[in-house]
Protein backbone atom coordinates (compact mmCIF):
# COMPACT_ATOMS: atom_id res chain seq x y z
CA UNK A 1 0.00 0.00 0.00
CA UNK A 2 1.17 3.55 -0.63
CA UNK A 3 1.96 5.80 2.28
CA UNK A 4 2.86 9.47 2.25
CA UNK A 5 4.95 11.76 4.42
CA UNK A 6 4.33 15.50 4.34
CA UNK A 7 5.08 18.55 6.43
CA UNK A 8 2.40 21.21 6.56
CA UNK A 9 1.46 24.30 8.52
CA UNK A 10 -1.43 23.82 10.95
CA UNK A 11 -4.15 26.43 11.61
CA UNK A 12 -2.25 27.65 14.68
CA UNK A 13 0.87 28.28 12.57
CA UNK A 14 2.88 25.34 13.91
CA UNK A 15 4.47 22.84 11.54
CA UNK A 16 3.39 19.20 11.59
CA UNK A 17 4.92 16.20 9.90
CA UNK A 18 2.52 13.36 9.21
CA UNK A 19 2.76 9.83 7.81
CA UNK A 20 -0.55 8.96 6.24
CA UNK A 21 -2.48 6.89 3.75
CA UNK A 22 -5.03 8.26 1.35
CA UNK A 23 -8.46 6.68 1.71
CA UNK A 24 -8.34 5.40 -1.87
CA UNK A 25 -5.23 3.36 -0.98
CA UNK A 26 -6.66 1.72 2.16
CA UNK A 27 -8.17 -1.78 1.96
CA UNK A 28 -12.00 -1.63 1.72
CA UNK A 29 -12.39 -4.02 4.67
CA UNK A 30 -10.33 -1.65 6.83
CA UNK A 31 -12.44 1.38 5.92
CA UNK A 32 -15.74 -0.43 6.39
CA UNK A 33 -14.76 -1.09 10.02
CA UNK A 34 -13.83 2.56 10.65
CA UNK A 35 -16.52 4.55 8.85
CA UNK A 36 -19.63 5.00 10.98
CA UNK A 37 -21.77 7.04 8.59
CA UNK A 38 -21.84 8.03 4.98
CA UNK A 39 -22.89 11.66 5.40
CA UNK A 40 -19.63 13.38 6.22
CA UNK A 41 -19.66 17.16 5.81
CA UNK A 42 -17.95 18.41 2.66
CA UNK A 43 -14.33 19.45 3.03
CA UNK A 44 -12.96 22.82 2.03
CA UNK A 45 -11.14 23.00 -1.28
CA UNK A 46 -7.58 21.73 -0.93
CA UNK A 47 -8.41 19.56 2.10
CA UNK A 48 -8.35 15.75 2.09
CA UNK A 49 -9.41 13.20 4.68
CA UNK A 50 -6.58 10.70 5.31
CA UNK A 51 -5.62 7.99 7.79
CA UNK A 52 -2.77 9.03 10.08
CA UNK A 53 -0.50 5.98 10.28
CA UNK A 54 1.20 7.10 13.51
CA UNK A 55 -1.86 7.78 15.70
CA UNK A 56 -4.29 5.46 13.84
CA UNK A 57 -7.00 8.07 13.38
CA UNK A 58 -8.56 10.06 10.58
CA UNK A 59 -6.97 13.45 9.98
CA UNK A 60 -7.33 16.19 7.39
CA UNK A 61 -4.43 17.34 5.23
CA UNK A 62 -4.62 20.89 3.92
CA UNK A 63 -2.69 20.57 0.66
CA UNK A 64 -2.45 24.35 0.32
CA UNK A 65 -0.15 24.53 3.36
CA UNK A 66 2.15 21.60 2.51
CA UNK A 67 5.81 22.61 2.63
CA UNK A 68 8.41 20.96 0.43
CA UNK A 69 8.12 17.60 -1.22
CA UNK A 70 5.56 14.94 -0.32
CA UNK A 71 7.38 11.62 -0.03
CA UNK A 72 5.66 8.44 -1.17
CA UNK A 73 6.62 4.86 -0.37
CA UNK A 74 5.19 1.35 -0.35
CA UNK A 75 4.45 -0.20 3.04
CA UNK A 76 2.95 -3.42 4.34
CA UNK A 77 -0.32 -2.44 5.97
CA UNK A 78 -1.63 -4.85 8.59
CA UNK A 79 -5.32 -4.74 9.44
């Protein structure tokens, strides 16, 4: 599975580095166990819901505040 590493500026101005997977790259059986409803509010333009691989929770990446290069790599994802 693909994973990504990016550094971005949070709302409070601090920098955050995050290792994450895009929802489209996660196994369907994993998502079906995590998603409780299908009516999530729409995200602002430039925002994407992702799975934070370090804290094992959903997070939002604001692509308009990403600094530098986004690194991509293949990982073994265990359910």
